[in-house]
Amino acid sequence: LKLYCDCFAAGRLCVGCACVGCLNNSYHEAERRKAIETIVRKNPAAFDQKVVSNSGCACKKSRCLKRYCECFEANIHCSLACVCVDCENFEGSAKVRDHPGVRAAVDTLMSIANTAIVL
């Protein structure tokens, strides 16, 4: 559970990765939440969206829902700069909203935000 894990840094759970001994999954939610809280306490901007190149992605078969899409990897939606085909990575997309890694990450981050507000 370190920021060098691309999924963890993007605020997503590891799903279908080649990680060994990975704790960035729903089975280790307590450890994951504690790690996120510790990192955010040290660096509040640690999980902010990362800037992607101005050229955007050029995905052809992944529908921009796989980790090798630079927009999806950076946890941002595709933009007009992208030249992707059959894109599903856009604002309000049910495919993005229902993606297992995205859904769990949003729930965790909302929970942490609510906890921070109460404190």
PDB file of N, CA and C in Angstrom:
ATOM      1  N   LEU A   1       0.832  -1.184   0.000  1.00  0.00           N
ATOM      2  CA  LEU A   1       0.000   0.000   0.000  1.00  0.00           C
ATOM      3  C   LEU A   1       0.876   1.247   0.000  1.00  0.00           C
ATOM      4  N   LYS A   2       1.541   1.422  -1.115  1.00  0.00           N
ATOM      5  CA  LYS A   2       2.423   2.574  -1.316  1.00  0.00           C
ATOM      6  C   LYS A   2       2.011   3.303  -2.585  1.00  0.00           C
ATOM      7  N   LEU A   3       2.383   4.556  -2.684  1.00  0.00           N
ATOM      8  CA  LEU A   3       1.993   5.344  -3.847  1.00  0.00           C
ATOM      9  C   LEU A   3       2.675   4.903  -5.134  1.00  0.00           C
ATOM     10  N   TYR A   4       3.692   4.059  -5.059  1.00  0.00           N
ATOM     11  CA  TYR A   4       4.293   3.560  -6.303  1.00  0.00           C
ATOM     12  C   TYR A   4       3.410   2.497  -6.959  1.00  0.00           C
ATOM     13  N   CYS A   5       2.411   1.998  -6.255  1.00  0.00           N
ATOM     14  CA  CYS A   5       1.408   1.122  -6.885  1.00  0.00           C
ATOM     15  C   CYS A   5       0.489   2.043  -7.686  1.00  0.00           C
ATOM     16  N   ASP A   6       0.450   1.879  -8.994  1.00  0.00           N
ATOM     17  CA  ASP A   6      -0.319   2.773  -9.850  1.00  0.00           C
ATOM     18  C   ASP A   6      -1.798   2.801  -9.490  1.00  0.00           C
ATOM     19  N   CYS A   7      -2.365   1.654  -9.190  1.00  0.00           N
ATOM     20  CA  CYS A   7      -3.787   1.594  -8.840  1.00  0.00           C
ATOM     21  C   CYS A   7      -4.048   2.338  -7.533  1.00  0.00           C
ATOM     22  N   PHE A   8      -3.231   2.065  -6.526  1.00  0.00           N
ATOM     23  CA  PHE A   8      -3.401   2.704  -5.214  1.00  0.00           C
ATOM     24  C   PHE A   8      -3.242   4.216  -5.333  1.00  0.00           C
ATOM     25  N   ALA A   9      -2.243   4.673  -6.070  1.00  0.00           N
ATOM     26  CA  ALA A   9      -2.002   6.106  -6.240  1.00  0.00           C
ATOM     27  C   ALA A   9      -3.153   6.790  -6.967  1.00  0.00           C
ATOM     28  N   ALA A  10      -3.821   6.053  -7.856  1.00  0.00           N
ATOM     29  CA  ALA A  10      -4.961   6.610  -8.589  1.00  0.00           C
ATOM     30  C   ALA A  10      -6.252   6.493  -7.788  1.00  0.00           C
ATOM     31  N   GLY A  11      -6.181   5.900  -6.590  1.00  0.00           N
ATOM     32  CA  GLY A  11      -7.362   5.774  -5.745  1.00  0.00           C
ATOM     33  C   GLY A  11      -8.239   4.596  -6.099  1.00  0.00           C
ATOM     34  N   ARG A  12      -7.696   3.637  -6.832  1.00  0.00           N
ATOM     35  CA  ARG A  12      -8.466   2.455  -7.234  1.00  0.00           C
ATOM     36  C   ARG A  12      -7.922   1.223  -6.544  1.00  0.00           C
ATOM     37  N   LEU A  13      -8.764   0.197  -6.466  1.00  0.00           N
ATOM     38  CA  LEU A  13      -8.316  -1.105  -5.989  1.00  0.00           C
ATOM     39  C   LEU A  13      -7.578  -1.819  -7.115  1.00  0.00           C
ATOM     40  N   CYS A  14      -6.643  -2.669  -6.763  1.00  0.00           N
ATOM     41  CA  CYS A  14      -5.977  -3.496  -7.763  1.00  0.00           C
ATOM     42  C   CYS A  14      -6.948  -4.584  -8.196  1.00  0.00           C
ATOM     43  N   VAL A  15      -7.251  -4.617  -9.469  1.00  0.00           N
ATOM     44  CA  VAL A  15      -8.146  -5.625 -10.032  1.00  0.00           C
ATOM     45  C   VAL A  15      -7.486  -6.154 -11.296  1.00  0.00           C
ATOM     46  N   GLY A  16      -7.129  -7.425 -11.296  1.00  0.00           N
ATOM     47  CA  GLY A  16      -6.506  -8.021 -12.470  1.00  0.00           C
ATOM     48  C   GLY A  16      -5.060  -7.615 -12.668  1.00  0.00           C
ATOM     49  N   CYS A  17      -4.402  -7.124 -11.632  1.00  0.00           N
ATOM     50  CA  CYS A  17      -2.997  -6.736 -11.725  1.00  0.00           C
ATOM     51  C   CYS A  17      -2.117  -7.964 -11.495  1.00  0.00           C
ATOM     52  N   ALA A  18      -0.855  -7.799 -11.707  1.00  0.00           N
ATOM     53  CA  ALA A  18       0.098  -8.880 -11.469  1.00  0.00           C
ATOM     54  C   ALA A  18       0.802  -8.692 -10.125  1.00  0.00           C
ATOM     55  N   CYS A  19       0.161  -8.007  -9.204  1.00  0.00           N
ATOM     56  CA  CYS A  19       0.754  -7.750  -7.895  1.00  0.00           C
ATOM     57  C   CYS A  19       0.936  -9.053  -7.119  1.00  0.00           C
ATOM     58  N   VAL A  20       1.982  -9.114  -6.324  1.00  0.00           N
ATOM     59  CA  VAL A  20       2.240 -10.270  -5.462  1.00  0.00           C
ATOM     60  C   VAL A  20       2.124  -9.798  -4.023  1.00  0.00           C
ATOM     61  N   GLY A  21       1.295 -10.463  -3.234  1.00  0.00           N
ATOM     62  CA  GLY A  21       1.101 -10.067  -1.843  1.00  0.00           C
ATOM     63  C   GLY A  21       0.410  -8.722  -1.715  1.00  0.00           C
ATOM     64  N   CYS A  22      -0.436  -8.389  -2.645  1.00  0.00           N
ATOM     65  CA  CYS A  22      -1.089  -7.086  -2.708  1.00  0.00           C
ATOM     66  C   CYS A  22      -2.136  -6.931  -1.597  1.00  0.00           C
ATOM     67  N   LEU A  23      -2.141  -5.781  -0.954  1.00  0.00           N
ATOM     68  CA  LEU A  23      -3.151  -5.469   0.053  1.00  0.00           C
ATOM     69  C   LEU A  23      -4.138  -4.422  -0.450  1.00  0.00           C
ATOM     70  N   ASN A  24      -3.993  -3.998  -1.689  1.00  0.00           N
ATOM     71  CA  ASN A  24      -4.867  -2.974  -2.254  1.00  0.00           C
ATOM     72  C   ASN A  24      -6.093  -3.634  -2.881  1.00  0.00           C
ATOM     73  N   ASN A  25      -6.879  -4.281  -2.023  1.00  0.00           N
ATOM     74  CA  ASN A  25      -8.092  -4.952  -2.483  1.00  0.00           C
ATOM     75  C   ASN A  25      -9.158  -4.881  -1.401  1.00  0.00           C
ATOM     76  N   SER A  26     -10.363  -5.315  -1.728  1.00  0.00           N
ATOM     77  CA  SER A  26     -11.478  -5.203  -0.787  1.00  0.00           C
ATOM     78  C   SER A  26     -11.324  -6.113   0.425  1.00  0.00           C
ATOM     79  N   TYR A  27     -10.505  -7.141   0.343  1.00  0.00           N
ATOM     80  CA  TYR A  27     -10.293  -8.051   1.475  1.00  0.00           C
ATOM     81  C   TYR A  27      -9.471  -7.400   2.587  1.00  0.00           C
ATOM     82  N   HIS A  28      -8.704  -6.399   2.253  1.00  0.00           N
ATOM     83  CA  HIS A  28      -7.846  -5.708   3.217  1.00  0.00           C
ATOM     84  C   HIS A  28      -8.278  -4.249   3.376  1.00  0.00           C
ATOM     85  N   GLU A  29      -9.573  -4.018   3.419  1.00  0.00           N
ATOM     86  CA  GLU A  29     -10.112  -2.659   3.448  1.00  0.00           C
ATOM     87  C   GLU A  29      -9.626  -1.863   4.662  1.00  0.00           C
ATOM     88  N   ALA A  30      -9.544  -2.483   5.824  1.00  0.00           N
ATOM     89  CA  ALA A  30      -9.114  -1.766   7.033  1.00  0.00           C
ATOM     90  C   ALA A  30      -7.670  -1.281   6.892  1.00  0.00           C
ATOM     91  N   GLU A  31      -6.780  -2.153   6.408  1.00  0.00           N
ATOM     92  CA  GLU A  31      -5.386  -1.768   6.217  1.00  0.00           C
ATOM     93  C   GLU A  31      -5.268  -0.687   5.149  1.00  0.00           C
ATOM     94  N   ARG A  32      -6.053  -0.826   4.086  1.00  0.00           N
ATOM     95  CA  ARG A  32      -6.036   0.123   2.985  1.00  0.00           C
ATOM     96  C   ARG A  32      -6.491   1.502   3.467  1.00  0.00           C
ATOM     97  N   ARG A  33      -7.581   1.526   4.225  1.00  0.00           N
ATOM     98  CA  ARG A  33      -8.121   2.785   4.749  1.00  0.00           C
ATOM     99  C   ARG A  33      -7.105   3.471   5.667  1.00  0.00           C
ATOM    100  N   LYS A  34      -6.461   2.675   6.527  1.00  0.00           N
ATOM    101  CA  LYS A  34      -5.464   3.236   7.445  1.00  0.00           C
ATOM    102  C   LYS A  34      -4.288   3.829   6.659  1.00  0.00           C
ATOM    103  N   ALA A  35      -3.840   3.123   5.616  1.00  0.00           N
ATOM    104  CA  ALA A  35      -2.737   3.616   4.793  1.00  0.00           C
ATOM    105  C   ALA A  35      -3.125   4.916   4.086  1.00  0.00           C
ATOM    106  N   ILE A  36      -4.335   4.984   3.567  1.00  0.00           N
ATOM    107  CA  ILE A  36      -4.800   6.200   2.887  1.00  0.00           C
ATOM    108  C   ILE A  36      -4.840   7.360   3.873  1.00  0.00           C
ATOM    109  N   GLU A  37      -5.390   7.120   5.074  1.00  0.00           N
ATOM    110  CA  GLU A  37      -5.465   8.177   6.078  1.00  0.00           C
ATOM    111  C   GLU A  37      -4.078   8.685   6.453  1.00  0.00           C
ATOM    112  N   THR A  38      -3.126   7.769   6.626  1.00  0.00           N
ATOM    113  CA  THR A  38      -1.753   8.149   6.986  1.00  0.00           C
ATOM    114  C   THR A  38      -1.114   8.976   5.881  1.00  0.00           C
ATOM    115  N   ILE A  39      -1.281   8.548   4.644  1.00  0.00           N
ATOM    116  CA  ILE A  39      -0.685   9.264   3.509  1.00  0.00           C
ATOM    117  C   ILE A  39      -1.315  10.640   3.345  1.00  0.00           C
ATOM    118  N   VAL A  40      -2.650  10.720   3.456  1.00  0.00           N
ATOM    119  CA  VAL A  40      -3.338  12.004   3.293  1.00  0.00           C
ATOM    120  C   VAL A  40      -2.974  12.959   4.429  1.00  0.00           C
ATOM    121  N   ARG A  41      -2.762  12.432   5.622  1.00  0.00           N
ATOM    122  CA  ARG A  41      -2.349  13.273   6.744  1.00  0.00           C
ATOM    123  C   ARG A  41      -0.987  13.904   6.456  1.00  0.00           C
ATOM    124  N   LYS A  42      -0.086  13.136   5.853  1.00  0.00           N
ATOM    125  CA  LYS A  42       1.255  13.649   5.534  1.00  0.00           C
ATOM    126  C   LYS A  42       1.254  14.533   4.289  1.00  0.00           C
ATOM    127  N   ASN A  43       0.417  14.167   3.311  1.00  0.00           N
ATOM    128  CA  ASN A  43       0.373  14.895   2.039  1.00  0.00           C
ATOM    129  C   ASN A  43      -1.073  14.949   1.550  1.00  0.00           C
ATOM    130  N   PRO A  44      -1.812  16.010   1.866  1.00  0.00           N
ATOM    131  CA  PRO A  44      -3.224  16.101   1.491  1.00  0.00           C
ATOM    132  C   PRO A  44      -3.482  15.993  -0.013  1.00  0.00           C
ATOM    133  N   ALA A  45      -2.507  16.277  -0.846  1.00  0.00           N
ATOM    134  CA  ALA A  45      -2.691  16.224  -2.300  1.00  0.00           C
ATOM    135  C   ALA A  45      -2.230  14.895  -2.906  1.00  0.00           C
ATOM    136  N   ALA A  46      -1.913  13.918  -2.074  1.00  0.00           N
ATOM    137  CA  ALA A  46      -1.342  12.660  -2.569  1.00  0.00           C
ATOM    138  C   ALA A  46      -2.251  11.935  -3.554  1.00  0.00           C
ATOM    139  N   PHE A  47      -3.552  12.019  -3.364  1.00  0.00           N
ATOM    140  CA  PHE A  47      -4.471  11.280  -4.225  1.00  0.00           C
ATOM    141  C   PHE A  47      -5.206  12.190  -5.200  1.00  0.00           C
ATOM    142  N   ASP A  48      -4.743  13.439  -5.360  1.00  0.00           N
ATOM    143  CA  ASP A  48      -5.347  14.329  -6.337  1.00  0.00           C
ATOM    144  C   ASP A  48      -5.099  13.792  -7.735  1.00  0.00           C
ATOM    145  N   GLN A  49      -5.967  14.190  -8.666  1.00  0.00           N
ATOM    146  CA  GLN A  49      -5.807  13.731 -10.037  1.00  0.00           C
ATOM    147  C   GLN A  49      -4.480  14.204 -10.594  1.00  0.00           C
ATOM    148  N   LYS A  50      -3.829  13.318 -11.304  1.00  0.00           N
ATOM    149  CA  LYS A  50      -2.530  13.634 -11.906  1.00  0.00           C
ATOM    150  C   LYS A  50      -2.744  14.220 -13.293  1.00  0.00           C
ATOM    151  N   VAL A  51      -1.848  15.094 -13.703  1.00  0.00           N
ATOM    152  CA  VAL A  51      -1.927  15.704 -15.031  1.00  0.00           C
ATOM    153  C   VAL A  51      -1.402  14.719 -16.062  1.00  0.00           C
ATOM    154  N   VAL A  52      -2.136  14.571 -17.126  1.00  0.00           N
ATOM    155  CA  VAL A  52      -1.755  13.674 -18.213  1.00  0.00           C
ATOM    156  C   VAL A  52      -1.268  14.530 -19.372  1.00  0.00           C
ATOM    157  N   SER A  53      -0.509  13.946 -20.256  1.00  0.00           N
ATOM    158  CA  SER A  53       0.011  14.698 -21.394  1.00  0.00           C
ATOM    159  C   SER A  53      -1.122  15.368 -22.162  1.00  0.00           C
ATOM    160  N   ASN A  54      -0.801  16.461 -22.825  1.00  0.00           N
ATOM    161  CA  ASN A  54      -1.808  17.215 -23.571  1.00  0.00           C
ATOM    162  C   ASN A  54      -2.332  16.463 -24.783  1.00  0.00           C
ATOM    163  N   SER A  55      -1.629  15.421 -25.198  1.00  0.00           N
ATOM    164  CA  SER A  55      -2.048  14.705 -26.400  1.00  0.00           C
ATOM    165  C   SER A  55      -3.205  13.755 -26.143  1.00  0.00           C
ATOM    166  N   GLY A  56      -3.459  13.376 -24.891  1.00  0.00           N
ATOM    167  CA  GLY A  56      -4.550  12.455 -24.579  1.00  0.00           C
ATOM    168  C   GLY A  56      -4.220  11.036 -25.005  1.00  0.00           C
ATOM    169  N   CYS A  57      -5.167  10.147 -24.823  1.00  0.00           N
ATOM    170  CA  CYS A  57      -4.924   8.738 -25.152  1.00  0.00           C
ATOM    171  C   CYS A  57      -5.363   8.426 -26.587  1.00  0.00           C
ATOM    172  N   ALA A  58      -5.001   7.240 -27.025  1.00  0.00           N
ATOM    173  CA  ALA A  58      -5.357   6.795 -28.377  1.00  0.00           C
ATOM    174  C   ALA A  58      -5.813   5.332 -28.338  1.00  0.00           C
ATOM    175  N   CYS A  59      -6.583   4.977 -27.311  1.00  0.00           N
ATOM    176  CA  CYS A  59      -7.023   3.581 -27.140  1.00  0.00           C
ATOM    177  C   CYS A  59      -7.936   3.160 -28.282  1.00  0.00           C
ATOM    178  N   LYS A  60      -7.802   1.906 -28.705  1.00  0.00           N
ATOM    179  CA  LYS A  60      -8.610   1.393 -29.803  1.00  0.00           C
ATOM    180  C   LYS A  60      -9.554   0.265 -29.389  1.00  0.00           C
ATOM    181  N   LYS A  61      -9.112  -0.620 -28.490  1.00  0.00           N
ATOM    182  CA  LYS A  61      -9.940  -1.772 -28.131  1.00  0.00           C
ATOM    183  C   LYS A  61     -10.348  -1.820 -26.663  1.00  0.00           C
ATOM    184  N   SER A  62      -9.694  -1.066 -25.816  1.00  0.00           N
ATOM    185  CA  SER A  62      -9.940  -1.170 -24.373  1.00  0.00           C
ATOM    186  C   SER A  62     -11.130  -0.349 -23.888  1.00  0.00           C
ATOM    187  N   ARG A  63     -11.668   0.511 -24.754  1.00  0.00           N
ATOM    188  CA  ARG A  63     -12.749   1.423 -24.399  1.00  0.00           C
ATOM    189  C   ARG A  63     -12.328   2.354 -23.256  1.00  0.00           C
ATOM    190  N   CYS A  64     -11.010   2.481 -23.077  1.00  0.00           N
ATOM    191  CA  CYS A  64     -10.411   3.362 -22.060  1.00  0.00           C
ATOM    192  C   CYS A  64     -10.775   2.939 -20.638  1.00  0.00           C
ATOM    193  N   LEU A  65     -10.934   1.628 -20.427  1.00  0.00           N
ATOM    194  CA  LEU A  65     -11.288   1.099 -19.111  1.00  0.00           C
ATOM    195  C   LEU A  65     -10.221   0.160 -18.563  1.00  0.00           C
ATOM    196  N   LYS A  66      -9.031   0.223 -19.119  1.00  0.00           N
ATOM    197  CA  LYS A  66      -7.921  -0.624 -18.662  1.00  0.00           C
ATOM    198  C   LYS A  66      -6.780   0.262 -18.199  1.00  0.00           C
ATOM    199  N   ARG A  67      -5.887  -0.311 -17.415  1.00  0.00           N
ATOM    200  CA  ARG A  67      -4.787   0.457 -16.839  1.00  0.00           C
ATOM    201  C   ARG A  67      -3.826   1.015 -17.876  1.00  0.00           C
ATOM    202  N   TYR A  68      -3.770   0.449 -19.080  1.00  0.00           N
ATOM    203  CA  TYR A  68      -2.847   1.004 -20.057  1.00  0.00           C
ATOM    204  C   TYR A  68      -3.411   2.210 -20.797  1.00  0.00           C
ATOM    205  N   CYS A  69      -4.635   2.612 -20.478  1.00  0.00           N
ATOM    206  CA  CYS A  69      -5.145   3.909 -20.947  1.00  0.00           C
ATOM    207  C   CYS A  69      -4.574   4.959 -20.005  1.00  0.00           C
ATOM    208  N   GLU A  70      -3.822   5.914 -20.543  1.00  0.00           N
ATOM    209  CA  GLU A  70      -3.165   6.891 -19.674  1.00  0.00           C
ATOM    210  C   GLU A  70      -4.171   7.751 -18.918  1.00  0.00           C
ATOM    211  N   CYS A  71      -5.342   7.989 -19.473  1.00  0.00           N
ATOM    212  CA  CYS A  71      -6.362   8.772 -18.764  1.00  0.00           C
ATOM    213  C   CYS A  71      -6.939   7.961 -17.602  1.00  0.00           C
ATOM    214  N   PHE A  72      -7.327   6.718 -17.870  1.00  0.00           N
ATOM    215  CA  PHE A  72      -7.882   5.859 -16.822  1.00  0.00           C
ATOM    216  C   PHE A  72      -6.862   5.633 -15.722  1.00  0.00           C
ATOM    217  N   GLU A  73      -5.615   5.428 -16.101  1.00  0.00           N
ATOM    218  CA  GLU A  73      -4.537   5.211 -15.132  1.00  0.00           C
ATOM    219  C   GLU A  73      -4.356   6.421 -14.220  1.00  0.00           C
ATOM    220  N   ALA A  74      -4.541   7.619 -14.783  1.00  0.00           N
ATOM    221  CA  ALA A  74      -4.393   8.846 -14.005  1.00  0.00           C
ATOM    222  C   ALA A  74      -5.683   9.211 -13.271  1.00  0.00           C
ATOM    223  N   ASN A  75      -6.708   8.383 -13.408  1.00  0.00           N
ATOM    224  CA  ASN A  75      -7.981   8.582 -12.720  1.00  0.00           C
ATOM    225  C   ASN A  75      -8.699   9.847 -13.195  1.00  0.00           C
ATOM    226  N   ILE A  76      -8.602  10.110 -14.509  1.00  0.00           N
ATOM    227  CA  ILE A  76      -9.319  11.240 -15.097  1.00  0.00           C
ATOM    228  C   ILE A  76     -10.122  10.729 -16.297  1.00  0.00           C
ATOM    229  N   HIS A  77     -11.110  11.520 -16.700  1.00  0.00           N
ATOM    230  CA  HIS A  77     -11.912  11.153 -17.865  1.00  0.00           C
ATOM    231  C   HIS A  77     -11.181  11.551 -19.138  1.00  0.00           C
ATOM    232  N   CYS A  78     -11.493  10.875 -20.209  1.00  0.00           N
ATOM    233  CA  CYS A  78     -10.924  11.238 -21.501  1.00  0.00           C
ATOM    234  C   CYS A  78     -11.460  12.617 -21.905  1.00  0.00           C
ATOM    235  N   SER A  79     -10.702  13.301 -22.745  1.00  0.00           N
ATOM    236  CA  SER A  79     -11.058  14.662 -23.132  1.00  0.00           C
ATOM    237  C   SER A  79     -11.081  14.794 -24.648  1.00  0.00           C
ATOM    238  N   LEU A  80     -11.305  16.000 -25.112  1.00  0.00           N
ATOM    239  CA  LEU A  80     -11.308  16.267 -26.554  1.00  0.00           C
ATOM    240  C   LEU A  80      -9.930  16.060 -27.174  1.00  0.00           C
ATOM    241  N   ALA A  81      -8.885  16.087 -26.350  1.00  0.00           N
ATOM    242  CA  ALA A  81      -7.530  15.864 -26.855  1.00  0.00           C
ATOM    243  C   ALA A  81      -7.301  14.392 -27.205  1.00  0.00           C
ATOM    244  N   CYS A  82      -8.116  13.508 -26.680  1.00  0.00           N
ATOM    245  CA  CYS A  82      -7.964  12.067 -26.941  1.00  0.00           C
ATOM    246  C   CYS A  82      -8.497  11.712 -28.327  1.00  0.00           C
ATOM    247  N   VAL A  83      -7.917  10.673 -28.893  1.00  0.00           N
ATOM    248  CA  VAL A  83      -8.372  10.168 -30.190  1.00  0.00           C
ATOM    249  C   VAL A  83      -8.773   8.696 -30.047  1.00  0.00           C
ATOM    250  N   CYS A  84      -9.369   8.372 -28.899  1.00  0.00           N
ATOM    251  CA  CYS A  84      -9.737   6.989 -28.609  1.00  0.00           C
ATOM    252  C   CYS A  84     -10.981   6.575 -29.395  1.00  0.00           C
ATOM    253  N   VAL A  85     -11.192   5.255 -29.491  1.00  0.00           N
ATOM    254  CA  VAL A  85     -12.309   4.681 -30.230  1.00  0.00           C
ATOM    255  C   VAL A  85     -13.252   3.995 -29.239  1.00  0.00           C
ATOM    256  N   ASP A  86     -14.557   4.255 -29.367  1.00  0.00           N
ATOM    257  CA  ASP A  86     -15.578   3.649 -28.498  1.00  0.00           C
ATOM    258  C   ASP A  86     -15.278   3.884 -27.018  1.00  0.00           C
ATOM    259  N   CYS A  87     -14.945   5.092 -26.659  1.00  0.00           N
ATOM    260  CA  CYS A  87     -14.553   5.445 -25.295  1.00  0.00           C
ATOM    261  C   CYS A  87     -15.721   5.294 -24.318  1.00  0.00           C
ATOM    262  N   GLU A  88     -15.430   4.707 -23.179  1.00  0.00           N
ATOM    263  CA  GLU A  88     -16.395   4.587 -22.080  1.00  0.00           C
ATOM    264  C   GLU A  88     -15.917   5.345 -20.843  1.00  0.00           C
ATOM    265  N   ASN A  89     -14.800   6.067 -20.951  1.00  0.00           N
ATOM    266  CA  ASN A  89     -14.227   6.782 -19.819  1.00  0.00           C
ATOM    267  C   ASN A  89     -14.608   8.259 -19.901  1.00  0.00           C
ATOM    268  N   PHE A  90     -15.894   8.542 -19.673  1.00  0.00           N
ATOM    269  CA  PHE A  90     -16.371   9.910 -19.718  1.00  0.00           C
ATOM    270  C   PHE A  90     -17.235  10.197 -18.500  1.00  0.00           C
ATOM    271  N   GLU A  91     -17.433  11.465 -18.215  1.00  0.00           N
ATOM    272  CA  GLU A  91     -18.243  11.904 -17.067  1.00  0.00           C
ATOM    273  C   GLU A  91     -19.632  11.290 -17.143  1.00  0.00           C
ATOM    274  N   GLY A  92     -20.047  10.624 -16.082  1.00  0.00           N
ATOM    275  CA  GLY A  92     -21.371  10.013 -16.012  1.00  0.00           C
ATOM    276  C   GLY A  92     -21.461   8.624 -16.613  1.00  0.00           C
ATOM    277  N   SER A  93     -20.361   8.080 -17.084  1.00  0.00           N
ATOM    278  CA  SER A  93     -20.368   6.753 -17.697  1.00  0.00           C
ATOM    279  C   SER A  93     -20.685   5.673 -16.659  1.00  0.00           C
ATOM    280  N   ALA A  94     -21.668   4.848 -16.949  1.00  0.00           N
ATOM    281  CA  ALA A  94     -22.015   3.740 -16.055  1.00  0.00           C
ATOM    282  C   ALA A  94     -20.884   2.724 -16.005  1.00  0.00           C
ATOM    283  N   LYS A  95     -20.153   2.565 -17.097  1.00  0.00           N
ATOM    284  CA  LYS A  95     -19.035   1.613 -17.128  1.00  0.00           C
ATOM    285  C   LYS A  95     -17.933   2.029 -16.171  1.00  0.00           C
ATOM    286  N   VAL A  96     -17.640   3.328 -16.108  1.00  0.00           N
ATOM    287  CA  VAL A  96     -16.618   3.817 -15.178  1.00  0.00           C
ATOM    288  C   VAL A  96     -17.158   3.742 -13.758  1.00  0.00           C
ATOM    289  N   ARG A  97     -18.366   4.217 -13.557  1.00  0.00           N
ATOM    290  CA  ARG A  97     -18.967   4.225 -12.219  1.00  0.00           C
ATOM    291  C   ARG A  97     -19.043   2.824 -11.630  1.00  0.00           C
ATOM    292  N   ASP A  98     -19.369   1.822 -12.460  1.00  0.00           N
ATOM    293  CA  ASP A  98     -19.552   0.457 -11.981  1.00  0.00           C
ATOM    294  C   ASP A  98     -18.288  -0.394 -12.038  1.00  0.00           C
ATOM    295  N   HIS A  99     -17.174   0.175 -12.506  1.00  0.00           N
ATOM    296  CA  HIS A  99     -15.906  -0.570 -12.549  1.00  0.00           C
ATOM    297  C   HIS A  99     -15.536  -0.928 -11.109  1.00  0.00           C
ATOM    298  N   PRO A 100     -15.201  -2.196 -10.826  1.00  0.00           N
ATOM    299  CA  PRO A 100     -14.978  -2.619  -9.439  1.00  0.00           C
ATOM    300  C   PRO A 100     -13.913  -1.812  -8.703  1.00  0.00           C
ATOM    301  N   GLY A 101     -12.838  -1.497  -9.351  1.00  0.00           N
ATOM    302  CA  GLY A 101     -11.786  -0.736  -8.693  1.00  0.00           C
ATOM    303  C   GLY A 101     -12.195   0.699  -8.423  1.00  0.00           C
ATOM    304  N   VAL A 102     -12.889   1.313  -9.356  1.00  0.00           N
ATOM    305  CA  VAL A 102     -13.318   2.703  -9.204  1.00  0.00           C
ATOM    306  C   VAL A 102     -14.386   2.806  -8.131  1.00  0.00           C
ATOM    307  N   ARG A 103     -15.369   1.927  -8.157  1.00  0.00           N
ATOM    308  CA  ARG A 103     -16.473   1.975  -7.202  1.00  0.00           C
ATOM    309  C   ARG A 103     -15.967   1.850  -5.766  1.00  0.00           C
ATOM    310  N   ALA A 104     -15.110   0.891  -5.507  1.00  0.00           N
ATOM    311  CA  ALA A 104     -14.583   0.684  -4.155  1.00  0.00           C
ATOM    312  C   ALA A 104     -13.721   1.862  -3.715  1.00  0.00           C
ATOM    313  N   ALA A 105     -12.934   2.402  -4.625  1.00  0.00           N
ATOM    314  CA  ALA A 105     -12.078   3.535  -4.277  1.00  0.00           C
ATOM    315  C   ALA A 105     -12.905   4.761  -3.928  1.00  0.00           C
ATOM    316  N   VAL A 106     -13.949   5.021  -4.679  1.00  0.00           N
ATOM    317  CA  VAL A 106     -14.814   6.168  -4.395  1.00  0.00           C
ATOM    318  C   VAL A 106     -15.473   5.995  -3.031  1.00  0.00           C
ATOM    319  N   ASP A 107     -15.963   4.808  -2.732  1.00  0.00           N
ATOM    320  CA  ASP A 107     -16.580   4.553  -1.429  1.00  0.00           C
ATOM    321  C   ASP A 107     -15.590   4.793  -0.298  1.00  0.00           C
ATOM    322  N   THR A 108     -14.368   4.305  -0.451  1.00  0.00           N
ATOM    323  CA  THR A 108     -13.347   4.473   0.584  1.00  0.00           C
ATOM    324  C   THR A 108     -12.991   5.942   0.770  1.00  0.00           C
ATOM    325  N   LEU A 109     -12.760   6.658  -0.321  1.00  0.00           N
ATOM    326  CA  LEU A 109     -12.384   8.068  -0.216  1.00  0.00           C
ATOM    327  C   LEU A 109     -13.516   8.912   0.363  1.00  0.00           C
ATOM    328  N   MET A 110     -14.763   8.602   0.030  1.00  0.00           N
ATOM    329  CA  MET A 110     -15.896   9.326   0.604  1.00  0.00           C
ATOM    330  C   MET A 110     -15.988   9.065   2.100  1.00  0.00           C
ATOM    331  N   SER A 111     -15.757   7.846   2.504  1.00  0.00           N
ATOM    332  CA  SER A 111     -15.782   7.498   3.918  1.00  0.00           C
ATOM    333  C   SER A 111     -14.697   8.250   4.688  1.00  0.00           C
ATOM    334  N   ILE A 112     -13.500   8.304   4.111  1.00  0.00           N
ATOM    335  CA  ILE A 112     -12.393   9.028   4.747  1.00  0.00           C
ATOM    336  C   ILE A 112     -12.717  10.522   4.826  1.00  0.00           C
ATOM    337  N   ALA A 113     -13.284  11.067   3.771  1.00  0.00           N
ATOM    338  CA  ALA A 113     -13.640  12.482   3.766  1.00  0.00           C
ATOM    339  C   ALA A 113     -14.690  12.770   4.840  1.00  0.00           C
ATOM    340  N   ASN A 114     -15.678  11.911   4.954  1.00  0.00           N
ATOM    341  CA  ASN A 114     -16.705  12.090   5.984  1.00  0.00           C
ATOM    342  C   ASN A 114     -16.126  11.991   7.378  1.00  0.00           C
ATOM    343  N   THR A 115     -15.173  11.079   7.587  1.00  0.00           N
ATOM    344  CA  THR A 115     -14.508  10.943   8.878  1.00  0.00           C
ATOM    345  C   THR A 115     -13.721  12.200   9.205  1.00  0.00           C
ATOM    346  N   ALA A 116     -13.037  12.757   8.216  1.00  0.00           N
ATOM    347  CA  ALA A 116     -12.249  13.965   8.418  1.00  0.00           C
ATOM    348  C   ALA A 116     -13.128  15.145   8.782  1.00  0.00           C
ATOM    349  N   ILE A 117     -14.319  15.219   8.201  1.00  0.00           N
ATOM    350  CA  ILE A 117     -15.252  16.308   8.493  1.00  0.00           C
ATOM    351  C   ILE A 117     -15.743  16.201   9.933  1.00  0.00           C
ATOM    352  N   VAL A 118     -16.007  14.998  10.398  1.00  0.00           N
ATOM    353  CA  VAL A 118     -16.501  14.776  11.756  1.00  0.00           C
ATOM    354  C   VAL A 118     -15.428  15.138  12.770  1.00  0.00           C
ATOM    355  N   LEU A 119     -14.148  14.797  12.469  1.00  0.00           N
ATOM    356  CA  LEU A 119     -13.057  15.092  13.374  1.00  0.00           C
ATOM    357  C   LEU A 119     -12.861  16.568  13.450  1.00  0.00           C
TER     358      LEU A 119
END
